[in-house]
Amino acid sequence: MVTPSTLKRLERARRTVARLEKALEIEDQQYLRDYDLQSIVERNLQIGVETVVDLAQRLITLKRWRTPNSYGDVARVLEENRVLPRELCSQLEDLASLRNMSLSA
């Protein structure tokens, strides 16, 4: 069941990806000189990871799969249930672990 909250999260993810794609068009040297742009990219990466983890947690809850004990573990649960391939789950796990936070925190 797709709830308004889920649709809102999906729209947030779409906007975040669009911002990050726009940043990819900028030359490396310009990017390295522009600390404000670096901050925008960093924040949007954070928002993107949070949004993906939120959506994954929703799916895990709806499917009644095992409860992950960290953000990185969310990716492992998706892999265990064949939602995403190992390579993509590994990348999500790496990104989520950058937050270094437990779900119980």
C-alpha atoms as a PDB file:
ATOM      1  CA  MET A   1       0.000   0.000   0.000  1.00  0.00           C
ATOM      2  CA  VAL A   2       1.419   3.365  -1.051  1.00  0.00           C
ATOM      3  CA  THR A   3       0.688   5.959   1.590  1.00  0.00           C
ATOM      4  CA  PRO A   4       0.881   9.750   1.236  1.00  0.00           C
ATOM      5  CA  SER A   5       3.962   9.612   3.448  1.00  0.00           C
ATOM      6  CA  THR A   6       5.643   7.157   1.088  1.00  0.00           C
ATOM      7  CA  LEU A   7       4.774   9.308  -1.915  1.00  0.00           C
ATOM      8  CA  LYS A   8       6.252  12.310  -0.133  1.00  0.00           C
ATOM      9  CA  ARG A   9       9.482  10.403   0.535  1.00  0.00           C
ATOM     10  CA  LEU A  10       9.671   9.280  -3.095  1.00  0.00           C
ATOM     11  CA  GLU A  11       9.238  12.870  -4.268  1.00  0.00           C
ATOM     12  CA  ARG A  12      11.951  13.989  -1.871  1.00  0.00           C
ATOM     13  CA  ALA A  13      14.258  11.320  -3.291  1.00  0.00           C
ATOM     14  CA  ARG A  14      13.490  12.461  -6.838  1.00  0.00           C
ATOM     15  CA  ARG A  15      14.316  16.084  -6.008  1.00  0.00           C
ATOM     16  CA  THR A  16      17.497  15.051  -4.229  1.00  0.00           C
ATOM     17  CA  VAL A  17      18.693  12.999  -7.190  1.00  0.00           C
ATOM     18  CA  ALA A  18      17.927  15.900  -9.534  1.00  0.00           C
ATOM     19  CA  ARG A  19      20.077  18.239  -7.413  1.00  0.00           C
ATOM     20  CA  LEU A  20      22.931  15.755  -7.339  1.00  0.00           C
ATOM     21  CA  GLU A  21      22.722  15.195 -11.087  1.00  0.00           C
ATOM     22  CA  LYS A  22      22.920  18.946 -11.609  1.00  0.00           C
ATOM     23  CA  ALA A  23      26.074  19.059  -9.482  1.00  0.00           C
ATOM     24  CA  LEU A  24      27.646  16.405 -11.712  1.00  0.00           C
ATOM     25  CA  GLU A  25      27.600  18.911 -14.576  1.00  0.00           C
ATOM     26  CA  ILE A  26      30.037  21.194 -12.750  1.00  0.00           C
ATOM     27  CA  GLU A  27      33.735  21.007 -13.592  1.00  0.00           C
ATOM     28  CA  ASP A  28      35.898  19.369 -10.923  1.00  0.00           C
ATOM     29  CA  GLN A  29      38.079  22.424 -10.299  1.00  0.00           C
ATOM     30  CA  GLN A  30      35.058  24.691  -9.913  1.00  0.00           C
ATOM     31  CA  TYR A  31      33.482  22.216  -7.500  1.00  0.00           C
ATOM     32  CA  LEU A  32      36.665  22.013  -5.424  1.00  0.00           C
ATOM     33  CA  ARG A  33      36.789  25.814  -5.095  1.00  0.00           C
ATOM     34  CA  ASP A  34      33.112  26.204  -4.161  1.00  0.00           C
ATOM     35  CA  TYR A  35      32.606  25.235  -0.509  1.00  0.00           C
ATOM     36  CA  ASP A  36      28.940  26.228  -0.613  1.00  0.00           C
ATOM     37  CA  LEU A  37      28.339  23.824  -3.481  1.00  0.00           C
ATOM     38  CA  GLN A  38      30.239  21.094  -1.647  1.00  0.00           C
ATOM     39  CA  SER A  39      27.985  21.673   1.352  1.00  0.00           C
ATOM     40  CA  ILE A  40      24.868  21.439  -0.833  1.00  0.00           C
ATOM     41  CA  VAL A  41      26.077  18.173  -2.353  1.00  0.00           C
ATOM     42  CA  GLU A  42      26.998  16.764   1.046  1.00  0.00           C
ATOM     43  CA  ARG A  43      23.588  17.631   2.477  1.00  0.00           C
ATOM     44  CA  ASN A  44      21.748  16.153  -0.496  1.00  0.00           C
ATOM     45  CA  LEU A  45      23.758  12.934  -0.232  1.00  0.00           C
ATOM     46  CA  GLN A  46      22.756  12.762   3.419  1.00  0.00           C
ATOM     47  CA  ILE A  47      19.094  13.387   2.569  1.00  0.00           C
ATOM     48  CA  GLY A  48      19.235  10.795  -0.208  1.00  0.00           C
ATOM     49  CA  VAL A  49      20.646   8.096   2.047  1.00  0.00           C
ATOM     50  CA  GLU A  50      18.166   8.918   4.808  1.00  0.00           C
ATOM     51  CA  THR A  51      15.275   8.759   2.362  1.00  0.00           C
ATOM     52  CA  VAL A  52      16.354   5.416   0.905  1.00  0.00           C
ATOM     53  CA  VAL A  53      16.833   3.973   4.396  1.00  0.00           C
ATOM     54  CA  ASP A  54      13.401   5.279   5.472  1.00  0.00           C
ATOM     55  CA  LEU A  55      11.730   3.678   2.457  1.00  0.00           C
ATOM     56  CA  ALA A  56      13.622   0.434   3.006  1.00  0.00           C
ATOM     57  CA  GLN A  57      12.584   0.358   6.662  1.00  0.00           C
ATOM     58  CA  ARG A  58       8.967   0.850   5.614  1.00  0.00           C
ATOM     59  CA  LEU A  59       9.224  -2.092   3.215  1.00  0.00           C
ATOM     60  CA  ILE A  60      10.897  -4.234   5.884  1.00  0.00           C
ATOM     61  CA  THR A  61       8.085  -3.419   8.311  1.00  0.00           C
ATOM     62  CA  LEU A  62       5.332  -4.129   5.789  1.00  0.00           C
ATOM     63  CA  LYS A  63       6.894  -7.454   4.791  1.00  0.00           C
ATOM     64  CA  ARG A  64       7.599  -8.342   8.436  1.00  0.00           C
ATOM     65  CA  TRP A  65      11.197  -9.199   7.712  1.00  0.00           C
ATOM     66  CA  ARG A  66      13.731  -9.270  10.522  1.00  0.00           C
ATOM     67  CA  THR A  67      14.297  -5.957  12.262  1.00  0.00           C
ATOM     68  CA  PRO A  68      17.609  -4.341  11.290  1.00  0.00           C
ATOM     69  CA  ASN A  69      19.803  -3.187  14.177  1.00  0.00           C
ATOM     70  CA  SER A  70      21.568  -0.373  12.290  1.00  0.00           C
ATOM     71  CA  TYR A  71      21.220   1.691   9.136  1.00  0.00           C
ATOM     72  CA  GLY A  72      23.836  -0.483   7.453  1.00  0.00           C
ATOM     73  CA  ASP A  73      21.895  -3.576   8.450  1.00  0.00           C
ATOM     74  CA  VAL A  74      18.869  -2.265   6.540  1.00  0.00           C
ATOM     75  CA  ALA A  75      20.814  -2.973   3.343  1.00  0.00           C
ATOM     76  CA  ARG A  76      21.634  -6.499   4.512  1.00  0.00           C
ATOM     77  CA  VAL A  77      17.944  -7.206   5.165  1.00  0.00           C
ATOM     78  CA  LEU A  78      17.133  -6.048   1.622  1.00  0.00           C
ATOM     79  CA  GLU A  79      19.809  -8.356   0.256  1.00  0.00           C
ATOM     80  CA  GLU A  80      18.634 -11.305   2.358  1.00  0.00           C
ATOM     81  CA  ASN A  81      15.163 -10.898   0.890  1.00  0.00           C
ATOM     82  CA  ARG A  82      16.430 -10.463  -2.668  1.00  0.00           C
ATOM     83  CA  VAL A  83      15.129  -6.903  -3.052  1.00  0.00           C
ATOM     84  CA  LEU A  84      18.441  -5.538  -4.285  1.00  0.00           C
ATOM     85  CA  PRO A  85      21.558  -7.233  -5.670  1.00  0.00           C
ATOM     86  CA  ARG A  86      24.624  -7.645  -3.445  1.00  0.00           C
ATOM     87  CA  GLU A  87      26.658  -4.907  -5.139  1.00  0.00           C
ATOM     88  CA  LEU A  88      23.959  -2.280  -4.682  1.00  0.00           C
ATOM     89  CA  CYS A  89      23.281  -3.381  -1.117  1.00  0.00           C
ATOM     90  CA  SER A  90      26.992  -3.153  -0.369  1.00  0.00           C
ATOM     91  CA  GLN A  91      27.040   0.417  -1.652  1.00  0.00           C
ATOM     92  CA  LEU A  92      23.956   1.315   0.392  1.00  0.00           C
ATOM     93  CA  GLU A  93      25.489  -0.310   3.450  1.00  0.00           C
ATOM     94  CA  ASP A  94      28.657   1.771   2.984  1.00  0.00           C
ATOM     95  CA  LEU A  95      26.679   4.988   2.588  1.00  0.00           C
ATOM     96  CA  ALA A  96      24.414   4.226   5.521  1.00  0.00           C
ATOM     97  CA  SER A  97      27.361   3.354   7.746  1.00  0.00           C
ATOM     98  CA  LEU A  98      28.823   6.821   7.145  1.00  0.00           C
ATOM     99  CA  ARG A  99      26.157   8.032   9.515  1.00  0.00           C
ATOM    100  CA  ASN A 100      27.555   5.622  12.123  1.00  0.00           C
ATOM    101  CA  MET A 101      24.243   5.544  13.937  1.00  0.00           C
ATOM    102  CA  SER A 102      22.226   2.751  15.452  1.00  0.00           C
ATOM    103  CA  LEU A 103      18.493   2.611  14.847  1.00  0.00           C
ATOM    104  CA  SER A 104      18.042   2.469  18.603  1.00  0.00           C
ATOM    105  CA  ALA A 105      19.921   5.764  19.110  1.00  0.00           C
END
